[in-house]
Amino acid sequence: MKKYLFPVTVSLVLGIFMAYFIIRQYENMPALAVSSEAESLYYIQKGAYGDIDSMNEDMKDFSHYIYNTENNSFCVYIGITTNKENALKIMDYYKSLGYETTIVEKITDNKNFINILKQYDELLLKTDDSESIKTICNQVLAKYEELVK
């Protein structure tokens, strides 16, 4: 009996030690939405700000925008789409107005919002008019605030 005590103790300590390190690896990984309804969406990001006052000051020209707090900064989004081609169209629209933007891909699982977004994407695919693009972006952001936030 005594000859098994040492190997069992070493095995238990080694198992606990390894489990601790394996679990710690997953703490810093971003969470993924686990749902059959989840889809990858393209968010058009205007910028990231250190405080809400500077964000509000820089965004005063925009009637609609959304923001999330990520890594101690306020990330501002001015467009959302399910289609990469539409994301580039929105980026070009804002570039023509003098704003630099980037595309950020995120997973969303809100079925109602995704269905409405796909309808707006169909309209966006068919237009190149600046005013129409602006209106569609504002409508999408308003729906996001209504259905997701």
N, C-alpha and C. Protein backbone atom coordinates (compact mmCIF):
# COMPACT_ATOMS: atom_id res chain seq x y z
N MET A 1 0.80 -1.19 0.00
CA MET A 1 0.00 0.00 0.00
C MET A 1 0.86 1.26 0.00
N LYS A 2 1.95 1.25 0.81
CA LYS A 2 2.80 2.42 0.90
C LYS A 2 3.54 2.69 -0.40
N LYS A 3 3.84 1.64 -1.17
CA LYS A 3 4.59 1.85 -2.41
C LYS A 3 3.73 2.54 -3.47
N TYR A 4 2.39 2.55 -3.35
CA TYR A 4 1.51 3.23 -4.30
C TYR A 4 1.20 4.67 -3.90
N LEU A 5 1.45 5.03 -2.68
CA LEU A 5 1.12 6.36 -2.17
C LEU A 5 1.91 7.46 -2.90
N PHE A 6 3.20 7.28 -3.09
CA PHE A 6 4.01 8.30 -3.76
C PHE A 6 3.60 8.49 -5.23
N PRO A 7 3.48 7.45 -6.06
CA PRO A 7 3.08 7.66 -7.46
C PRO A 7 1.68 8.28 -7.60
N VAL A 8 0.76 7.90 -6.74
CA VAL A 8 -0.59 8.46 -6.81
C VAL A 8 -0.55 9.94 -6.44
N THR A 9 0.19 10.31 -5.43
CA THR A 9 0.30 11.71 -5.01
C THR A 9 0.95 12.55 -6.11
N VAL A 10 2.03 12.04 -6.70
CA VAL A 10 2.70 12.76 -7.78
C VAL A 10 1.76 12.92 -8.98
N SER A 11 0.99 11.90 -9.30
CA SER A 11 0.05 11.96 -10.43
C SER A 11 -1.02 13.01 -10.17
N LEU A 12 -1.55 13.05 -8.98
CA LEU A 12 -2.57 14.04 -8.64
C LEU A 12 -2.03 15.47 -8.71
N VAL A 13 -0.88 15.69 -8.16
CA VAL A 13 -0.28 17.03 -8.17
C VAL A 13 0.04 17.44 -9.61
N LEU A 14 0.60 16.54 -10.39
CA LEU A 14 0.91 16.83 -11.79
C LEU A 14 -0.36 17.11 -12.59
N GLY A 15 -1.43 16.36 -12.36
CA GLY A 15 -2.69 16.58 -13.05
C GLY A 15 -3.31 17.93 -12.72
N ILE A 16 -3.29 18.31 -11.46
CA ILE A 16 -3.81 19.62 -11.04
C ILE A 16 -2.97 20.74 -11.65
N PHE A 17 -1.67 20.58 -11.64
CA PHE A 17 -0.76 21.59 -12.19
C PHE A 17 -1.02 21.78 -13.69
N MET A 18 -1.16 20.71 -14.44
CA MET A 18 -1.39 20.81 -15.88
C MET A 18 -2.78 21.38 -16.18
N ALA A 19 -3.79 20.99 -15.43
CA ALA A 19 -5.15 21.51 -15.63
C ALA A 19 -5.18 23.01 -15.40
N TYR A 20 -4.45 23.49 -14.40
CA TYR A 20 -4.38 24.92 -14.10
C TYR A 20 -3.85 25.69 -15.31
N PHE A 21 -2.78 25.24 -15.92
CA PHE A 21 -2.19 25.94 -17.07
C PHE A 21 -3.06 25.85 -18.32
N ILE A 22 -3.71 24.74 -18.53
CA ILE A 22 -4.58 24.60 -19.70
C ILE A 22 -5.78 25.53 -19.57
N ILE A 23 -6.38 25.60 -18.40
CA ILE A 23 -7.53 26.48 -18.20
C ILE A 23 -7.13 27.94 -18.32
N ARG A 24 -5.96 28.30 -17.84
CA ARG A 24 -5.49 29.69 -17.92
C ARG A 24 -5.31 30.15 -19.37
N GLN A 25 -5.02 29.25 -20.28
CA GLN A 25 -4.86 29.62 -21.69
C GLN A 25 -6.16 30.12 -22.28
N TYR A 26 -7.30 29.64 -21.82
CA TYR A 26 -8.59 30.00 -22.38
C TYR A 26 -9.20 31.25 -21.75
N GLU A 27 -8.64 31.76 -20.66
CA GLU A 27 -9.20 32.93 -20.01
C GLU A 27 -9.11 34.18 -20.88
N ASN A 28 -8.06 34.32 -21.67
CA ASN A 28 -7.84 35.53 -22.45
C ASN A 28 -8.34 35.42 -23.89
N MET A 29 -8.94 34.30 -24.25
CA MET A 29 -9.43 34.14 -25.61
C MET A 29 -10.81 34.79 -25.73
N PRO A 30 -11.09 35.42 -26.89
CA PRO A 30 -12.41 36.03 -27.06
C PRO A 30 -13.49 34.96 -27.12
N ALA A 31 -14.63 35.30 -26.56
CA ALA A 31 -15.75 34.35 -26.56
C ALA A 31 -16.43 34.34 -27.92
N LEU A 32 -16.86 33.19 -28.34
CA LEU A 32 -17.59 33.05 -29.59
C LEU A 32 -19.05 32.73 -29.28
N ALA A 33 -19.93 33.30 -30.07
CA ALA A 33 -21.34 32.98 -29.90
C ALA A 33 -21.56 31.54 -30.37
N VAL A 34 -22.16 30.74 -29.52
CA VAL A 34 -22.40 29.35 -29.86
C VAL A 34 -23.90 29.20 -30.12
N SER A 35 -24.25 29.31 -31.38
CA SER A 35 -25.65 29.23 -31.76
C SER A 35 -25.72 28.91 -33.24
N SER A 36 -26.75 28.19 -33.62
CA SER A 36 -26.93 27.91 -35.04
C SER A 36 -27.38 29.15 -35.79
N GLU A 37 -27.86 30.15 -35.05
CA GLU A 37 -28.34 31.40 -35.65
C GLU A 37 -27.21 32.43 -35.81
N ALA A 38 -26.06 32.18 -35.25
CA ALA A 38 -24.97 33.14 -35.25
C ALA A 38 -24.39 33.32 -36.65
N GLU A 39 -24.09 34.58 -36.98
CA GLU A 39 -23.47 34.91 -38.26
C GLU A 39 -22.37 35.92 -38.05
N SER A 40 -21.45 35.92 -38.96
CA SER A 40 -20.37 36.88 -38.94
C SER A 40 -20.82 38.14 -39.65
N LEU A 41 -20.71 39.28 -38.97
CA LEU A 41 -21.11 40.57 -39.53
C LEU A 41 -19.87 41.46 -39.65
N TYR A 42 -19.95 42.40 -40.58
CA TYR A 42 -18.87 43.37 -40.78
C TYR A 42 -19.29 44.70 -40.18
N TYR A 43 -18.54 45.13 -39.18
CA TYR A 43 -18.79 46.41 -38.53
C TYR A 43 -17.77 47.41 -39.08
N ILE A 44 -18.25 48.59 -39.45
CA ILE A 44 -17.37 49.65 -39.94
C ILE A 44 -17.01 50.51 -38.74
N GLN A 45 -15.74 50.44 -38.33
CA GLN A 45 -15.29 51.14 -37.13
C GLN A 45 -14.71 52.50 -37.49
N LYS A 46 -15.19 53.52 -36.78
CA LYS A 46 -14.69 54.89 -36.98
C LYS A 46 -13.43 55.13 -36.17
N GLY A 47 -13.39 54.57 -34.97
CA GLY A 47 -12.22 54.76 -34.14
C GLY A 47 -12.41 54.18 -32.76
N ALA A 48 -11.38 54.32 -31.94
CA ALA A 48 -11.42 53.88 -30.55
C ALA A 48 -10.93 55.05 -29.69
N TYR A 49 -11.62 55.30 -28.61
CA TYR A 49 -11.35 56.48 -27.79
C TYR A 49 -11.10 56.06 -26.35
N GLY A 50 -10.25 56.82 -25.68
CA GLY A 50 -9.90 56.52 -24.31
C GLY A 50 -10.96 56.93 -23.31
N ASP A 51 -11.76 57.95 -23.64
CA ASP A 51 -12.82 58.36 -22.73
C ASP A 51 -14.06 58.77 -23.53
N ILE A 52 -15.18 58.77 -22.86
CA ILE A 52 -16.46 59.01 -23.53
C ILE A 52 -16.60 60.46 -24.00
N ASP A 53 -15.96 61.41 -23.30
CA ASP A 53 -16.06 62.81 -23.71
C ASP A 53 -15.38 63.05 -25.05
N SER A 54 -14.19 62.50 -25.26
CA SER A 54 -13.51 62.67 -26.54
C SER A 54 -14.27 61.95 -27.64
N MET A 55 -14.89 60.82 -27.32
CA MET A 55 -15.69 60.11 -28.31
C MET A 55 -16.88 60.96 -28.73
N ASN A 56 -17.62 61.50 -27.76
CA ASN A 56 -18.77 62.33 -28.08
C ASN A 56 -18.38 63.56 -28.87
N GLU A 57 -17.26 64.15 -28.55
CA GLU A 57 -16.78 65.34 -29.27
C GLU A 57 -16.46 65.01 -30.73
N ASP A 58 -15.79 63.88 -30.95
CA ASP A 58 -15.41 63.50 -32.32
C ASP A 58 -16.60 63.01 -33.14
N MET A 59 -17.63 62.51 -32.48
CA MET A 59 -18.78 61.94 -33.19
C MET A 59 -19.94 62.91 -33.33
N LYS A 60 -19.74 64.18 -33.04
CA LYS A 60 -20.85 65.15 -33.07
C LYS A 60 -21.41 65.35 -34.48
N ASP A 61 -20.66 65.01 -35.53
CA ASP A 61 -21.15 65.14 -36.91
C ASP A 61 -22.05 63.98 -37.33
N PHE A 62 -22.14 62.94 -36.52
CA PHE A 62 -22.89 61.74 -36.88
C PHE A 62 -24.21 61.70 -36.11
N SER A 63 -25.29 61.47 -36.85
CA SER A 63 -26.59 61.37 -36.19
C SER A 63 -26.80 60.00 -35.55
N HIS A 64 -26.22 58.96 -36.13
CA HIS A 64 -26.34 57.61 -35.59
C HIS A 64 -24.97 56.95 -35.54
N TYR A 65 -24.69 56.34 -34.41
CA TYR A 65 -23.50 55.50 -34.24
C TYR A 65 -23.71 54.64 -33.01
N ILE A 66 -22.97 53.57 -32.94
CA ILE A 66 -23.02 52.71 -31.76
C ILE A 66 -21.60 52.56 -31.24
N TYR A 67 -21.47 52.21 -29.98
CA TYR A 67 -20.14 51.98 -29.42
C TYR A 67 -20.20 50.86 -28.40
N ASN A 68 -19.07 50.21 -28.25
CA ASN A 68 -18.88 49.16 -27.25
C ASN A 68 -17.63 49.49 -26.46
N THR A 69 -17.60 49.09 -25.22
CA THR A 69 -16.41 49.25 -24.40
C THR A 69 -15.59 47.97 -24.54
N GLU A 70 -14.40 48.10 -25.12
CA GLU A 70 -13.52 46.97 -25.35
C GLU A 70 -12.10 47.35 -24.93
N ASN A 71 -11.51 46.56 -24.06
CA ASN A 71 -10.13 46.79 -23.61
C ASN A 71 -9.92 48.22 -23.11
N ASN A 72 -10.82 48.69 -22.26
CA ASN A 72 -10.75 50.02 -21.65
C ASN A 72 -10.79 51.16 -22.65
N SER A 73 -11.40 50.94 -23.81
CA SER A 73 -11.58 52.02 -24.77
C SER A 73 -12.97 51.91 -25.37
N PHE A 74 -13.44 53.01 -25.92
CA PHE A 74 -14.76 53.07 -26.53
C PHE A 74 -14.60 52.92 -28.04
N CYS A 75 -15.00 51.78 -28.58
CA CYS A 75 -14.92 51.51 -30.02
C CYS A 75 -16.22 51.94 -30.67
N VAL A 76 -16.11 52.84 -31.66
CA VAL A 76 -17.29 53.43 -32.30
C VAL A 76 -17.48 52.82 -33.68
N TYR A 77 -18.72 52.41 -33.97
CA TYR A 77 -19.07 51.80 -35.25
C TYR A 77 -20.13 52.65 -35.94
N ILE A 78 -19.94 52.88 -37.24
CA ILE A 78 -20.85 53.73 -38.00
C ILE A 78 -21.51 52.99 -39.15
N GLY A 79 -21.35 51.68 -39.19
CA GLY A 79 -21.99 50.87 -40.22
C GLY A 79 -21.89 49.40 -39.87
N ILE A 80 -22.92 48.63 -40.31
CA ILE A 80 -22.94 47.19 -40.09
C ILE A 80 -23.52 46.54 -41.34
N THR A 81 -22.93 45.43 -41.76
CA THR A 81 -23.44 44.71 -42.93
C THR A 81 -23.07 43.24 -42.83
N THR A 82 -23.77 42.42 -43.61
CA THR A 82 -23.44 41.00 -43.67
C THR A 82 -22.56 40.68 -44.87
N ASN A 83 -22.35 41.67 -45.73
CA ASN A 83 -21.71 41.47 -47.02
C ASN A 83 -20.41 42.26 -47.09
N LYS A 84 -19.32 41.59 -47.44
CA LYS A 84 -18.01 42.26 -47.53
C LYS A 84 -18.01 43.37 -48.59
N GLU A 85 -18.70 43.13 -49.71
CA GLU A 85 -18.80 44.14 -50.77
C GLU A 85 -19.50 45.40 -50.24
N ASN A 86 -20.55 45.22 -49.47
CA ASN A 86 -21.24 46.37 -48.87
C ASN A 86 -20.36 47.08 -47.85
N ALA A 87 -19.58 46.32 -47.10
CA ALA A 87 -18.67 46.92 -46.12
C ALA A 87 -17.67 47.84 -46.83
N LEU A 88 -17.15 47.38 -47.96
CA LEU A 88 -16.21 48.21 -48.72
C LEU A 88 -16.92 49.44 -49.30
N LYS A 89 -18.18 49.29 -49.70
CA LYS A 89 -18.96 50.41 -50.23
C LYS A 89 -19.18 51.47 -49.15
N ILE A 90 -19.48 51.01 -47.93
CA ILE A 90 -19.68 51.94 -46.82
C ILE A 90 -18.36 52.63 -46.48
N MET A 91 -17.27 51.87 -46.47
CA MET A 91 -15.96 52.48 -46.21
C MET A 91 -15.64 53.55 -47.24
N ASP A 92 -15.91 53.27 -48.52
CA ASP A 92 -15.65 54.24 -49.58
C ASP A 92 -16.51 55.49 -49.41
N TYR A 93 -17.75 55.30 -48.99
CA TYR A 93 -18.64 56.44 -48.75
C TYR A 93 -18.04 57.35 -47.68
N TYR A 94 -17.64 56.76 -46.55
CA TYR A 94 -17.07 57.58 -45.48
C TYR A 94 -15.71 58.15 -45.85
N LYS A 95 -14.96 57.44 -46.67
CA LYS A 95 -13.68 57.96 -47.14
C LYS A 95 -13.89 59.20 -48.01
N SER A 96 -14.95 59.18 -48.83
CA SER A 96 -15.26 60.34 -49.67
C SER A 96 -15.64 61.56 -48.83
N LEU A 97 -16.10 61.31 -47.60
CA LEU A 97 -16.44 62.41 -46.68
C LEU A 97 -15.24 62.83 -45.84
N GLY A 98 -14.12 62.10 -45.96
CA GLY A 98 -12.90 62.46 -45.24
C GLY A 98 -12.69 61.70 -43.94
N TYR A 99 -13.42 60.61 -43.73
CA TYR A 99 -13.28 59.82 -42.51
C TYR A 99 -12.55 58.52 -42.81
N GLU A 100 -11.59 58.19 -41.96
CA GLU A 100 -10.88 56.93 -42.08
C GLU A 100 -11.62 55.88 -41.25
N THR A 101 -11.86 54.72 -41.83
CA THR A 101 -12.58 53.65 -41.15
C THR A 101 -11.85 52.33 -41.37
N THR A 102 -12.23 51.36 -40.56
CA THR A 102 -11.71 50.01 -40.73
C THR A 102 -12.87 49.02 -40.60
N ILE A 103 -12.68 47.83 -41.13
CA ILE A 103 -13.69 46.79 -41.04
C ILE A 103 -13.30 45.83 -39.92
N VAL A 104 -14.25 45.58 -39.04
CA VAL A 104 -14.05 44.64 -37.94
C VAL A 104 -15.12 43.56 -38.07
N GLU A 105 -14.69 42.32 -38.10
CA GLU A 105 -15.62 41.20 -38.23
C GLU A 105 -15.96 40.67 -36.85
N LYS A 106 -17.28 40.56 -36.57
CA LYS A 106 -17.75 40.08 -35.28
C LYS A 106 -18.89 39.11 -35.50
N ILE A 107 -19.09 38.24 -34.53
CA ILE A 107 -20.17 37.25 -34.61
C ILE A 107 -21.36 37.77 -33.80
N THR A 108 -22.53 37.70 -34.41
CA THR A 108 -23.77 38.13 -33.76
C THR A 108 -24.79 37.02 -33.91
N ASP A 109 -25.58 36.80 -32.87
CA ASP A 109 -26.56 35.73 -32.93
C ASP A 109 -28.01 36.21 -32.76
N ASN A 110 -28.26 37.50 -32.94
CA ASN A 110 -29.61 38.04 -32.86
C ASN A 110 -30.32 37.83 -34.19
N LYS A 111 -31.18 36.82 -34.25
CA LYS A 111 -31.83 36.41 -35.50
C LYS A 111 -32.67 37.53 -36.11
N ASN A 112 -33.42 38.25 -35.27
CA ASN A 112 -34.27 39.34 -35.78
C ASN A 112 -33.44 40.43 -36.45
N PHE A 113 -32.35 40.82 -35.80
CA PHE A 113 -31.50 41.86 -36.37
C PHE A 113 -30.85 41.39 -37.66
N ILE A 114 -30.37 40.16 -37.69
CA ILE A 114 -29.72 39.63 -38.89
C ILE A 114 -30.69 39.60 -40.07
N ASN A 115 -31.94 39.21 -39.83
CA ASN A 115 -32.93 39.19 -40.91
C ASN A 115 -33.19 40.59 -41.47
N ILE A 116 -33.33 41.57 -40.59
CA ILE A 116 -33.55 42.94 -41.04
C ILE A 116 -32.31 43.46 -41.76
N LEU A 117 -31.13 43.14 -41.24
CA LEU A 117 -29.88 43.58 -41.85
C LEU A 117 -29.73 43.04 -43.27
N LYS A 118 -30.14 41.81 -43.48
CA LYS A 118 -30.06 41.23 -44.83
C LYS A 118 -30.96 41.96 -45.81
N GLN A 119 -32.10 42.44 -45.34
CA GLN A 119 -32.99 43.22 -46.21
C GLN A 119 -32.35 44.56 -46.59
N TYR A 120 -31.72 45.20 -45.62
CA TYR A 120 -31.02 46.45 -45.91
C TYR A 120 -29.81 46.21 -46.82
N ASP A 121 -29.16 45.05 -46.65
CA ASP A 121 -28.02 44.72 -47.51
C ASP A 121 -28.44 44.59 -48.97
N GLU A 122 -29.62 44.05 -49.22
CA GLU A 122 -30.13 43.96 -50.59
C GLU A 122 -30.27 45.34 -51.20
N LEU A 123 -30.80 46.28 -50.43
CA LEU A 123 -30.94 47.66 -50.91
C LEU A 123 -29.57 48.29 -51.16
N LEU A 124 -28.65 48.03 -50.24
CA LEU A 124 -27.32 48.62 -50.35
C LEU A 124 -26.56 48.09 -51.56
N LEU A 125 -26.76 46.83 -51.89
CA LEU A 125 -26.11 46.25 -53.06
C LEU A 125 -26.55 46.94 -54.36
N LYS A 126 -27.79 47.42 -54.38
CA LYS A 126 -28.36 47.97 -55.60
C LYS A 126 -28.12 49.46 -55.78
N THR A 127 -27.49 50.13 -54.82
CA THR A 127 -27.33 51.57 -54.92
C THR A 127 -25.87 52.00 -54.83
N ASP A 128 -25.59 53.12 -55.46
CA ASP A 128 -24.30 53.78 -55.32
C ASP A 128 -24.49 55.23 -54.91
N ASP A 129 -25.73 55.62 -54.67
CA ASP A 129 -26.07 56.99 -54.29
C ASP A 129 -25.63 57.26 -52.84
N SER A 130 -24.89 58.33 -52.63
CA SER A 130 -24.35 58.67 -51.31
C SER A 130 -25.45 58.87 -50.28
N GLU A 131 -26.50 59.56 -50.67
CA GLU A 131 -27.59 59.83 -49.73
C GLU A 131 -28.30 58.53 -49.32
N SER A 132 -28.45 57.62 -50.27
CA SER A 132 -29.07 56.32 -49.96
C SER A 132 -28.20 55.51 -49.02
N ILE A 133 -26.90 55.51 -49.25
CA ILE A 133 -25.98 54.78 -48.38
C ILE A 133 -26.04 55.34 -46.96
N LYS A 134 -26.07 56.66 -46.85
CA LYS A 134 -26.16 57.30 -45.53
C LYS A 134 -27.46 56.90 -44.82
N THR A 135 -28.57 56.95 -45.55
CA THR A 135 -29.87 56.61 -44.97
C THR A 135 -29.92 55.16 -44.52
N ILE A 136 -29.40 54.27 -45.35
CA ILE A 136 -29.40 52.84 -45.00
C ILE A 136 -28.54 52.60 -43.76
N CYS A 137 -27.36 53.21 -43.70
CA CYS A 137 -26.49 53.05 -42.53
C CYS A 137 -27.19 53.54 -41.26
N ASN A 138 -27.84 54.69 -41.34
CA ASN A 138 -28.55 55.23 -40.18
C ASN A 138 -29.69 54.33 -39.74
N GLN A 139 -30.42 53.78 -40.71
CA GLN A 139 -31.53 52.87 -40.38
C GLN A 139 -31.01 51.59 -39.73
N VAL A 140 -29.93 51.04 -40.24
CA VAL A 140 -29.35 49.82 -39.67
C VAL A 140 -28.90 50.07 -38.24
N LEU A 141 -28.23 51.19 -37.99
CA LEU A 141 -27.76 51.48 -36.64
C LEU A 141 -28.93 51.71 -35.68
N ALA A 142 -30.00 52.34 -36.17
CA ALA A 142 -31.20 52.53 -35.33
C ALA A 142 -31.82 51.17 -34.99
N LYS A 143 -31.89 50.27 -35.95
CA LYS A 143 -32.43 48.94 -35.69
C LYS A 143 -31.54 48.16 -34.73
N TYR A 144 -30.22 48.34 -34.85
CA TYR A 144 -29.29 47.69 -33.93
C TYR A 144 -29.57 48.13 -32.50
N GLU A 145 -29.72 49.44 -32.32
CA GLU A 145 -29.99 49.96 -30.98
C GLU A 145 -31.32 49.44 -30.44
N GLU A 146 -32.30 49.30 -31.33
CA GLU A 146 -33.62 48.83 -30.94
C GLU A 146 -33.63 47.34 -30.61
N LEU A 147 -32.98 46.52 -31.42
CA LEU A 147 -33.09 45.08 -31.29
C LEU A 147 -31.97 44.40 -30.51
N VAL A 148 -30.78 44.98 -30.53
CA VAL A 148 -29.62 44.30 -29.93
C VAL A 148 -29.24 44.90 -28.59
N LYS A 149 -29.14 46.18 -28.49
CA LYS A 149 -28.68 46.82 -27.26
C LYS A 149 -29.65 46.66 -26.14
